[in-house]
Amino acid sequence: MRLKRKLIPYLLFLIIFILIPVILTLLISFTKFDFKTIIFDFSFNNYKNLNEVANFWHIIIYSIIVSLIASFICVLIAVPFCCYLNNFKSQILKNQLLLLATLPMWLNALMRLIGLKTFFDSVFSPSFTQSTIGLIIGSVYIFLPLMLIPIYSIVSKIDKNLIEASEDLGANKSKTFLKVTLPLMLPGIFSGLSMTFLAMSTSVTIPQFIGANHIMIGQNIYNSVNQGLITMAITMTVVTSVIIFSCYGLITIIINLLINRSFKVGQHA
């Protein structure tokens, strides 16, 4: 009985801030809507009209590919950094270095993007700033701390006796990392991937300053709202959410399979 009472605040939060907005969004996507009136004329016309939106499907595919590439680059940077950071004996030094790595999160993202854009324009060229490579680098720069924190929280809890036991059994550092450390890090990598991928794929601010030659999903929806196409923007939001969460679910399944396979291999080894 006490447990049910404790769940009431969470259920209320879930219903008010998640369930009701999602239901309203779905309902509006099947109606005619503007800022003054909602005409409850249920039809699939809004979804049929998506094909008339310029490059809508191309923008979704492009956004997902760019977000996946940038997310995996974040993994490639965060994993060795967190492993290196965890090798320090001083906990104070670890905390200070992690603080320095995540310090950019304390600054306004808009200021960071303006600074990065100015740097790219000065060192490279405006064309590089507006390219796909510039967009990927900008996404990694903004969202890398979201990858560092969950991975380091897992790495810092790995029992060093496991690593020492692996080395005592004759495994070199590379094999120890692949067979022991990396499988234990996969939950943190998964958490980081989920946060960075979802944030990158729906970002509005980054494509406005870096990679402006290429429109992303969030920017496309934002432009539709500015043009007064509210119903179309909501419909695009629904379709985009389904596609992105389907990709997220696929990534979840793949990583869970990797985690289970890694632990099975470890048990047999």
C-alpha atoms as a PDB file:
ATOM      1  CA  MET A   1       0.000   0.000   0.000  1.00  0.00           C
ATOM      2  CA  ARG A   2       2.822   2.382   0.883  1.00  0.00           C
ATOM      3  CA  LEU A   3       4.564   1.555  -2.390  1.00  0.00           C
ATOM      4  CA  LYS A   4       1.435   2.495  -4.355  1.00  0.00           C
ATOM      5  CA  ARG A   5       1.225   5.831  -2.529  1.00  0.00           C
ATOM      6  CA  LYS A   6       4.863   6.562  -3.324  1.00  0.00           C
ATOM      7  CA  LEU A   7       4.184   5.917  -7.001  1.00  0.00           C
ATOM      8  CA  ILE A   8       1.371   8.499  -7.186  1.00  0.00           C
ATOM      9  CA  PRO A   9       3.655  11.574  -7.736  1.00  0.00           C
ATOM     10  CA  TYR A  10       5.548   9.756 -10.496  1.00  0.00           C
ATOM     11  CA  LEU A  11       2.319   8.619 -12.161  1.00  0.00           C
ATOM     12  CA  LEU A  12       0.927  12.169 -12.033  1.00  0.00           C
ATOM     13  CA  PHE A  13       4.139  13.534 -13.550  1.00  0.00           C
ATOM     14  CA  LEU A  14       4.038  10.857 -16.250  1.00  0.00           C
ATOM     15  CA  ILE A  15       0.401  11.567 -17.116  1.00  0.00           C
ATOM     16  CA  ILE A  16       0.595  15.395 -17.069  1.00  0.00           C
ATOM     17  CA  PHE A  17       3.949  15.998 -18.722  1.00  0.00           C
ATOM     18  CA  ILE A  18       4.347  12.968 -21.006  1.00  0.00           C
ATOM     19  CA  LEU A  19       1.145  11.058 -21.696  1.00  0.00           C
ATOM     20  CA  ILE A  20      -1.242  14.001 -22.223  1.00  0.00           C
ATOM     21  CA  PRO A  21       1.148  15.989 -24.511  1.00  0.00           C
ATOM     22  CA  VAL A  22       1.808  12.862 -26.609  1.00  0.00           C
ATOM     23  CA  ILE A  23      -1.930  12.150 -26.981  1.00  0.00           C
ATOM     24  CA  LEU A  24      -2.661  15.778 -27.914  1.00  0.00           C
ATOM     25  CA  THR A  25       0.159  15.747 -30.469  1.00  0.00           C
ATOM     26  CA  LEU A  26      -1.213  12.580 -32.064  1.00  0.00           C
ATOM     27  CA  LEU A  27      -4.766  13.976 -32.151  1.00  0.00           C
ATOM     28  CA  ILE A  28      -3.702  17.289 -33.686  1.00  0.00           C
ATOM     29  CA  SER A  29      -1.724  15.462 -36.384  1.00  0.00           C
ATOM     30  CA  PHE A  30      -5.061  14.099 -37.663  1.00  0.00           C
ATOM     31  CA  THR A  31      -6.891  17.474 -37.589  1.00  0.00           C
ATOM     32  CA  LYS A  32      -6.833  20.945 -39.097  1.00  0.00           C
ATOM     33  CA  PHE A  33      -5.190  23.283 -36.607  1.00  0.00           C
ATOM     34  CA  ASP A  34      -4.027  26.875 -36.275  1.00  0.00           C
ATOM     35  CA  PHE A  35      -3.328  29.154 -33.315  1.00  0.00           C
ATOM     36  CA  LYS A  36      -6.999  30.111 -33.027  1.00  0.00           C
ATOM     37  CA  THR A  37      -9.042  27.004 -33.799  1.00  0.00           C
ATOM     38  CA  ILE A  38      -8.835  23.231 -33.959  1.00  0.00           C
ATOM     39  CA  ILE A  39     -11.142  21.587 -36.476  1.00  0.00           C
ATOM     40  CA  PHE A  40     -11.708  17.969 -35.457  1.00  0.00           C
ATOM     41  CA  ASP A  41     -11.940  16.578 -38.962  1.00  0.00           C
ATOM     42  CA  PHE A  42     -10.017  13.322 -38.581  1.00  0.00           C
ATOM     43  CA  SER A  43      -8.175  12.260 -41.712  1.00  0.00           C
ATOM     44  CA  PHE A  44      -4.780  11.116 -42.932  1.00  0.00           C
ATOM     45  CA  ASN A  45      -4.382  14.144 -45.203  1.00  0.00           C
ATOM     46  CA  ASN A  46      -1.587  15.610 -43.084  1.00  0.00           C
ATOM     47  CA  TYR A  47       0.428  12.419 -43.442  1.00  0.00           C
ATOM     48  CA  LYS A  48      -0.308  12.214 -47.172  1.00  0.00           C
ATOM     49  CA  ASN A  49       0.870  15.805 -47.584  1.00  0.00           C
ATOM     50  CA  LEU A  50       4.272  14.945 -46.107  1.00  0.00           C
ATOM     51  CA  ASN A  51       5.342  13.795 -49.554  1.00  0.00           C
ATOM     52  CA  GLU A  52       4.835  17.379 -50.720  1.00  0.00           C
ATOM     53  CA  VAL A  53       7.326  18.717 -48.160  1.00  0.00           C
ATOM     54  CA  ALA A  54      10.589  19.346 -49.974  1.00  0.00           C
ATOM     55  CA  ASN A  55      13.194  16.630 -49.254  1.00  0.00           C
ATOM     56  CA  PHE A  56      11.416  15.530 -46.057  1.00  0.00           C
ATOM     57  CA  TRP A  57      12.561  11.892 -46.207  1.00  0.00           C
ATOM     58  CA  HIS A  58      16.016  12.881 -47.394  1.00  0.00           C
ATOM     59  CA  ILE A  59      16.339  15.227 -44.395  1.00  0.00           C
ATOM     60  CA  ILE A  60      15.360  12.441 -41.980  1.00  0.00           C
ATOM     61  CA  ILE A  61      17.857   9.977 -43.461  1.00  0.00           C
ATOM     62  CA  TYR A  62      20.596  12.628 -43.522  1.00  0.00           C
ATOM     63  CA  SER A  63      19.926  13.612 -39.898  1.00  0.00           C
ATOM     64  CA  ILE A  64      20.014  10.005 -38.680  1.00  0.00           C
ATOM     65  CA  ILE A  65      23.264   9.224 -40.546  1.00  0.00           C
ATOM     66  CA  VAL A  66      25.005  12.383 -39.286  1.00  0.00           C
ATOM     67  CA  SER A  67      23.807  11.751 -35.715  1.00  0.00           C
ATOM     68  CA  LEU A  68      24.998   8.137 -35.763  1.00  0.00           C
ATOM     69  CA  ILE A  69      28.419   9.094 -37.128  1.00  0.00           C
ATOM     70  CA  ALA A  70      28.847  11.881 -34.572  1.00  0.00           C
ATOM     71  CA  SER A  71      27.640   9.609 -31.732  1.00  0.00           C
ATOM     72  CA  PHE A  72      30.142   6.864 -32.580  1.00  0.00           C
ATOM     73  CA  ILE A  73      32.937   9.459 -32.842  1.00  0.00           C
ATOM     74  CA  CYS A  74      31.979  10.521 -29.309  1.00  0.00           C
ATOM     75  CA  VAL A  75      32.350   6.870 -28.239  1.00  0.00           C
ATOM     76  CA  LEU A  76      35.792   6.617 -29.868  1.00  0.00           C
ATOM     77  CA  ILE A  77      36.919   9.725 -27.962  1.00  0.00           C
ATOM     78  CA  ALA A  78      35.211   9.012 -24.631  1.00  0.00           C
ATOM     79  CA  VAL A  79      36.260   5.364 -24.154  1.00  0.00           C
ATOM     80  CA  PRO A  80      40.071   5.843 -24.221  1.00  0.00           C
ATOM     81  CA  PHE A  81      39.787   9.130 -22.321  1.00  0.00           C
ATOM     82  CA  CYS A  82      37.761   7.544 -19.499  1.00  0.00           C
ATOM     83  CA  CYS A  83      40.107   4.537 -19.333  1.00  0.00           C
ATOM     84  CA  TYR A  84      43.128   6.842 -19.182  1.00  0.00           C
ATOM     85  CA  LEU A  85      41.462   9.023 -16.555  1.00  0.00           C
ATOM     86  CA  ASN A  86      40.628   6.003 -14.414  1.00  0.00           C
ATOM     87  CA  ASN A  87      44.314   4.983 -14.267  1.00  0.00           C
ATOM     88  CA  PHE A  88      45.182   7.961 -12.054  1.00  0.00           C
ATOM     89  CA  LYS A  89      45.466   7.004  -8.390  1.00  0.00           C
ATOM     90  CA  SER A  90      44.413  10.370  -6.967  1.00  0.00           C
ATOM     91  CA  GLN A  91      40.632  10.693  -6.797  1.00  0.00           C
ATOM     92  CA  ILE A  92      40.956  14.468  -6.529  1.00  0.00           C
ATOM     93  CA  LEU A  93      42.928  14.589  -9.777  1.00  0.00           C
ATOM     94  CA  LYS A  94      40.342  12.369 -11.478  1.00  0.00           C
ATOM     95  CA  ASN A  95      37.518  14.662 -10.396  1.00  0.00           C
ATOM     96  CA  GLN A  96      39.394  17.772 -11.541  1.00  0.00           C
ATOM     97  CA  LEU A  97      40.189  16.315 -14.974  1.00  0.00           C
ATOM     98  CA  LEU A  98      36.599  15.125 -15.435  1.00  0.00           C
ATOM     99  CA  LEU A  99      35.406  18.580 -14.412  1.00  0.00           C
ATOM    100  CA  LEU A 100      37.660  20.183 -17.034  1.00  0.00           C
ATOM    101  CA  ALA A 101      36.372  17.779 -19.695  1.00  0.00           C
ATOM    102  CA  THR A 102      32.731  18.536 -18.899  1.00  0.00           C
ATOM    103  CA  LEU A 103      33.251  22.248 -18.172  1.00  0.00           C
ATOM    104  CA  PRO A 104      31.937  23.354 -21.615  1.00  0.00           C
ATOM    105  CA  MET A 105      28.484  22.091 -20.547  1.00  0.00           C
ATOM    106  CA  TRP A 106      28.407  24.936 -18.029  1.00  0.00           C
ATOM    107  CA  LEU A 107      28.605  27.494 -20.826  1.00  0.00           C
ATOM    108  CA  ASN A 108      25.711  28.517 -23.022  1.00  0.00           C
ATOM    109  CA  ALA A 109      25.552  26.284 -26.109  1.00  0.00           C
ATOM    110  CA  LEU A 110      24.881  29.305 -28.314  1.00  0.00           C
ATOM    111  CA  MET A 111      28.105  30.987 -27.171  1.00  0.00           C
ATOM    112  CA  ARG A 112      30.062  27.776 -27.783  1.00  0.00           C
ATOM    113  CA  LEU A 113      28.629  27.439 -31.293  1.00  0.00           C
ATOM    114  CA  ILE A 114      29.421  31.056 -32.158  1.00  0.00           C
ATOM    115  CA  GLY A 115      32.985  30.541 -30.904  1.00  0.00           C
ATOM    116  CA  LEU A 116      33.382  27.311 -32.892  1.00  0.00           C
ATOM    117  CA  LYS A 117      31.949  28.950 -36.022  1.00  0.00           C
ATOM    118  CA  THR A 118      34.384  31.860 -35.678  1.00  0.00           C
ATOM    119  CA  PHE A 119      37.262  29.407 -35.226  1.00  0.00           C
ATOM    120  CA  PHE A 120      36.287  27.385 -38.314  1.00  0.00           C
ATOM    121  CA  ASP A 121      35.841  30.529 -40.423  1.00  0.00           C
ATOM    122  CA  SER A 122      39.258  31.832 -39.357  1.00  0.00           C
ATOM    123  CA  VAL A 123      41.322  28.646 -39.515  1.00  0.00           C
ATOM    124  CA  PHE A 124      39.582  26.869 -42.390  1.00  0.00           C
ATOM    125  CA  SER A 125      36.914  28.606 -44.468  1.00  0.00           C
ATOM    126  CA  PRO A 126      33.186  29.443 -44.362  1.00  0.00           C
ATOM    127  CA  SER A 127      32.527  26.576 -46.788  1.00  0.00           C
ATOM    128  CA  PHE A 128      34.090  24.115 -44.306  1.00  0.00           C
ATOM    129  CA  THR A 129      31.941  25.574 -41.521  1.00  0.00           C
ATOM    130  CA  GLN A 130      28.792  24.908 -43.524  1.00  0.00           C
ATOM    131  CA  SER A 131      29.827  21.407 -44.648  1.00  0.00           C
ATOM    132  CA  THR A 132      28.721  18.026 -43.287  1.00  0.00           C
ATOM    133  CA  ILE A 133      32.152  17.512 -41.710  1.00  0.00           C
ATOM    134  CA  GLY A 134      31.793  20.819 -39.885  1.00  0.00           C
ATOM    135  CA  LEU A 135      28.325  19.775 -38.707  1.00  0.00           C
ATOM    136  CA  ILE A 136      29.635  16.456 -37.361  1.00  0.00           C
ATOM    137  CA  ILE A 137      32.550  18.139 -35.563  1.00  0.00           C
ATOM    138  CA  GLY A 138      30.190  20.727 -34.094  1.00  0.00           C
ATOM    139  CA  SER A 139      27.801  18.025 -32.866  1.00  0.00           C
ATOM    140  CA  VAL A 140      30.666  16.102 -31.256  1.00  0.00           C
ATOM    141  CA  TYR A 141      31.965  19.284 -29.633  1.00  0.00           C
ATOM    142  CA  ILE A 142      28.576  20.167 -28.120  1.00  0.00           C
ATOM    143  CA  PHE A 143      27.427  16.711 -27.003  1.00  0.00           C
ATOM    144  CA  LEU A 144      30.682  14.918 -26.090  1.00  0.00           C
ATOM    145  CA  PRO A 145      30.202  15.559 -22.329  1.00  0.00           C
ATOM    146  CA  LEU A 146      26.930  13.601 -22.521  1.00  0.00           C
ATOM    147  CA  MET A 147      29.022  10.601 -23.564  1.00  0.00           C
ATOM    148  CA  LEU A 148      31.862  11.119 -21.083  1.00  0.00           C
ATOM    149  CA  ILE A 149      29.763  11.170 -17.912  1.00  0.00           C
ATOM    150  CA  PRO A 150      27.909   7.813 -18.240  1.00  0.00           C
ATOM    151  CA  ILE A 151      30.990   5.962 -19.537  1.00  0.00           C
ATOM    152  CA  TYR A 152      33.224   7.265 -16.754  1.00  0.00           C
ATOM    153  CA  SER A 153      30.596   6.407 -14.122  1.00  0.00           C
ATOM    154  CA  ILE A 154      30.825   2.780 -15.297  1.00  0.00           C
ATOM    155  CA  VAL A 155      34.615   2.687 -15.765  1.00  0.00           C
ATOM    156  CA  SER A 156      35.249   4.080 -12.281  1.00  0.00           C
ATOM    157  CA  LYS A 157      33.270   1.213 -10.737  1.00  0.00           C
ATOM    158  CA  ILE A 158      35.076  -1.621 -12.563  1.00  0.00           C
ATOM    159  CA  ASP A 159      36.871  -3.846 -10.077  1.00  0.00           C
ATOM    160  CA  LYS A 160      40.600  -3.605 -10.822  1.00  0.00           C
ATOM    161  CA  ASN A 161      41.035  -7.120  -9.462  1.00  0.00           C
ATOM    162  CA  LEU A 162      39.307  -8.383 -12.618  1.00  0.00           C
ATOM    163  CA  ILE A 163      41.893  -6.642 -14.793  1.00  0.00           C
ATOM    164  CA  GLU A 164      44.767  -7.939 -12.654  1.00  0.00           C
ATOM    165  CA  ALA A 165      43.339 -11.465 -12.772  1.00  0.00           C
ATOM    166  CA  SER A 166      43.117 -11.285 -16.568  1.00  0.00           C
ATOM    167  CA  GLU A 167      46.749 -10.189 -16.803  1.00  0.00           C
ATOM    168  CA  ASP A 168      47.823 -12.902 -14.347  1.00  0.00           C
ATOM    169  CA  LEU A 169      46.170 -15.480 -16.626  1.00  0.00           C
ATOM    170  CA  GLY A 170      48.393 -14.366 -19.485  1.00  0.00           C
ATOM    171  CA  ALA A 171      46.182 -11.880 -21.335  1.00  0.00           C
ATOM    172  CA  ASN A 172      47.921  -8.796 -22.676  1.00  0.00           C
ATOM    173  CA  LYS A 173      46.470  -5.287 -22.263  1.00  0.00           C
ATOM    174  CA  SER A 174      44.620  -5.365 -25.580  1.00  0.00           C
ATOM    175  CA  LYS A 175      42.961  -8.697 -24.865  1.00  0.00           C
ATOM    176  CA  THR A 176      42.124  -7.616 -21.315  1.00  0.00           C
ATOM    177  CA  PHE A 177      40.464  -4.488 -22.665  1.00  0.00           C
ATOM    178  CA  LEU A 178      38.449  -6.386 -25.289  1.00  0.00           C
ATOM    179  CA  LYS A 179      37.460  -9.323 -23.069  1.00  0.00           C
ATOM    180  CA  VAL A 180      37.059  -7.645 -19.673  1.00  0.00           C
ATOM    181  CA  THR A 181      36.922  -3.854 -19.708  1.00  0.00           C
ATOM    182  CA  LEU A 182      34.914  -3.202 -22.867  1.00  0.00           C
ATOM    183  CA  PRO A 183      32.051  -5.620 -22.069  1.00  0.00           C
ATOM    184  CA  LEU A 184      31.683  -4.005 -18.648  1.00  0.00           C
ATOM    185  CA  MET A 185      31.648  -0.567 -20.291  1.00  0.00           C
ATOM    186  CA  LEU A 186      28.846  -1.380 -22.748  1.00  0.00           C
ATOM    187  CA  PRO A 187      25.977  -0.219 -20.473  1.00  0.00           C
ATOM    188  CA  GLY A 188      27.676   3.184 -20.131  1.00  0.00           C
ATOM    189  CA  ILE A 189      28.313   3.343 -23.870  1.00  0.00           C
ATOM    190  CA  PHE A 190      24.661   2.536 -24.496  1.00  0.00           C
ATOM    191  CA  SER A 191      23.509   5.305 -22.129  1.00  0.00           C
ATOM    192  CA  GLY A 192      25.831   7.795 -23.809  1.00  0.00           C
ATOM    193  CA  LEU A 193      24.748   6.746 -27.303  1.00  0.00           C
ATOM    194  CA  SER A 194      21.077   7.111 -26.424  1.00  0.00           C
ATOM    195  CA  MET A 195      21.556  10.649 -25.077  1.00  0.00           C
ATOM    196  CA  THR A 196      23.844  11.915 -27.835  1.00  0.00           C
ATOM    197  CA  PHE A 197      21.921  10.317 -30.717  1.00  0.00           C
ATOM    198  CA  LEU A 198      18.525  11.642 -29.621  1.00  0.00           C
ATOM    199  CA  ALA A 199      19.928  15.110 -28.882  1.00  0.00           C
ATOM    200  CA  MET A 200      21.898  15.375 -32.145  1.00  0.00           C
ATOM    201  CA  SER A 201      19.174  14.128 -34.464  1.00  0.00           C
ATOM    202  CA  THR A 202      16.625  16.715 -33.224  1.00  0.00           C
ATOM    203  CA  SER A 203      19.000  19.645 -32.675  1.00  0.00           C
ATOM    204  CA  VAL A 204      17.828  23.022 -33.965  1.00  0.00           C
ATOM    205  CA  THR A 205      20.634  25.342 -32.885  1.00  0.00           C
ATOM    206  CA  ILE A 206      23.683  23.541 -34.305  1.00  0.00           C
ATOM    207  CA  PRO A 207      22.565  23.448 -37.980  1.00  0.00           C
ATOM    208  CA  GLN A 208      21.750  27.160 -37.843  1.00  0.00           C
ATOM    209  CA  PHE A 209      25.390  28.038 -37.144  1.00  0.00           C
ATOM    210  CA  ILE A 210      27.391  25.066 -38.446  1.00  0.00           C
ATOM    211  CA  GLY A 211      26.469  22.966 -41.454  1.00  0.00           C
ATOM    212  CA  ALA A 212      23.830  25.488 -42.530  1.00  0.00           C
ATOM    213  CA  ASN A 213      24.004  24.180 -46.102  1.00  0.00           C
ATOM    214  CA  HIS A 214      22.247  21.034 -44.839  1.00  0.00           C
ATOM    215  CA  ILE A 215      18.867  21.049 -43.070  1.00  0.00           C
ATOM    216  CA  MET A 216      18.344  18.715 -40.105  1.00  0.00           C
ATOM    217  CA  ILE A 217      15.055  17.327 -38.750  1.00  0.00           C
ATOM    218  CA  GLY A 218      14.678  19.798 -35.878  1.00  0.00           C
ATOM    219  CA  GLN A 219      15.420  22.757 -38.120  1.00  0.00           C
ATOM    220  CA  ASN A 220      12.879  21.548 -40.686  1.00  0.00           C
ATOM    221  CA  ILE A 221      10.145  21.379 -38.032  1.00  0.00           C
ATOM    222  CA  TYR A 222      11.187  24.784 -36.658  1.00  0.00           C
ATOM    223  CA  ASN A 223      10.955  26.351 -40.130  1.00  0.00           C
ATOM    224  CA  SER A 224       7.450  24.911 -40.588  1.00  0.00           C
ATOM    225  CA  VAL A 225       6.313  26.499 -37.313  1.00  0.00           C
ATOM    226  CA  ASN A 226       7.752  29.875 -38.387  1.00  0.00           C
ATOM    227  CA  GLN A 227       5.803  29.614 -41.651  1.00  0.00           C
ATOM    228  CA  GLY A 228       2.567  28.992 -39.743  1.00  0.00           C
ATOM    229  CA  LEU A 229       2.301  25.361 -40.863  1.00  0.00           C
ATOM    230  CA  ILE A 230       1.521  24.131 -37.359  1.00  0.00           C
ATOM    231  CA  THR A 231      -0.339  20.980 -38.343  1.00  0.00           C
ATOM    232  CA  MET A 232       2.382  19.984 -40.773  1.00  0.00           C
ATOM    233  CA  ALA A 233       5.059  20.632 -38.138  1.00  0.00           C
ATOM    234  CA  ILE A 234       3.219  18.447 -35.611  1.00  0.00           C
ATOM    235  CA  THR A 235       2.745  15.697 -38.193  1.00  0.00           C
ATOM    236  CA  MET A 236       6.450  15.815 -39.034  1.00  0.00           C
ATOM    237  CA  THR A 237       7.197  15.616 -35.300  1.00  0.00           C
ATOM    238  CA  VAL A 238       5.091  12.446 -34.945  1.00  0.00           C
ATOM    239  CA  VAL A 239       6.653  10.729 -37.960  1.00  0.00           C
ATOM    240  CA  THR A 240      10.149  11.814 -36.956  1.00  0.00           C
ATOM    241  CA  SER A 241       9.639  10.558 -33.385  1.00  0.00           C
ATOM    242  CA  VAL A 242       8.487   7.140 -34.622  1.00  0.00           C
ATOM    243  CA  ILE A 243      11.479   6.799 -36.958  1.00  0.00           C
ATOM    244  CA  ILE A 244      14.053   8.034 -34.432  1.00  0.00           C
ATOM    245  CA  PHE A 245      12.741   5.850 -31.608  1.00  0.00           C
ATOM    246  CA  SER A 246      12.667   2.882 -33.994  1.00  0.00           C
ATOM    247  CA  CYS A 247      16.353   3.493 -34.728  1.00  0.00           C
ATOM    248  CA  TYR A 248      16.952   3.929 -31.000  1.00  0.00           C
ATOM    249  CA  GLY A 249      15.171   0.630 -30.320  1.00  0.00           C
ATOM    250  CA  LEU A 250      17.270  -1.118 -32.971  1.00  0.00           C
ATOM    251  CA  ILE A 251      20.464   0.252 -31.427  1.00  0.00           C
ATOM    252  CA  THR A 252      19.213  -0.907 -28.011  1.00  0.00           C
ATOM    253  CA  ILE A 253      18.619  -4.455 -29.273  1.00  0.00           C
ATOM    254  CA  ILE A 254      22.039  -4.622 -30.945  1.00  0.00           C
ATOM    255  CA  ILE A 255      23.890  -3.344 -27.874  1.00  0.00           C
ATOM    256  CA  ASN A 256      21.966  -5.670 -25.537  1.00  0.00           C
ATOM    257  CA  LEU A 257      22.895  -8.583 -27.783  1.00  0.00           C
ATOM    258  CA  LEU A 258      26.527  -7.469 -27.654  1.00  0.00           C
ATOM    259  CA  ILE A 259      26.374  -7.191 -23.860  1.00  0.00           C
ATOM    260  CA  ASN A 260      24.846 -10.673 -23.473  1.00  0.00           C
ATOM    261  CA  ARG A 261      27.279 -12.184 -25.970  1.00  0.00           C
ATOM    262  CA  SER A 262      30.249 -10.541 -24.260  1.00  0.00           C
ATOM    263  CA  PHE A 263      29.262 -11.900 -20.855  1.00  0.00           C
ATOM    264  CA  LYS A 264      28.675 -15.385 -22.292  1.00  0.00           C
ATOM    265  CA  VAL A 265      32.083 -15.326 -23.956  1.00  0.00           C
ATOM    266  CA  GLY A 266      33.597 -14.132 -20.689  1.00  0.00           C
ATOM    267  CA  GLN A 267      31.960 -16.967 -18.754  1.00  0.00           C
ATOM    268  CA  HIS A 268      33.176 -19.592 -21.224  1.00  0.00           C
ATOM    269  CA  ALA A 269      36.677 -18.082 -21.219  1.00  0.00           C
END
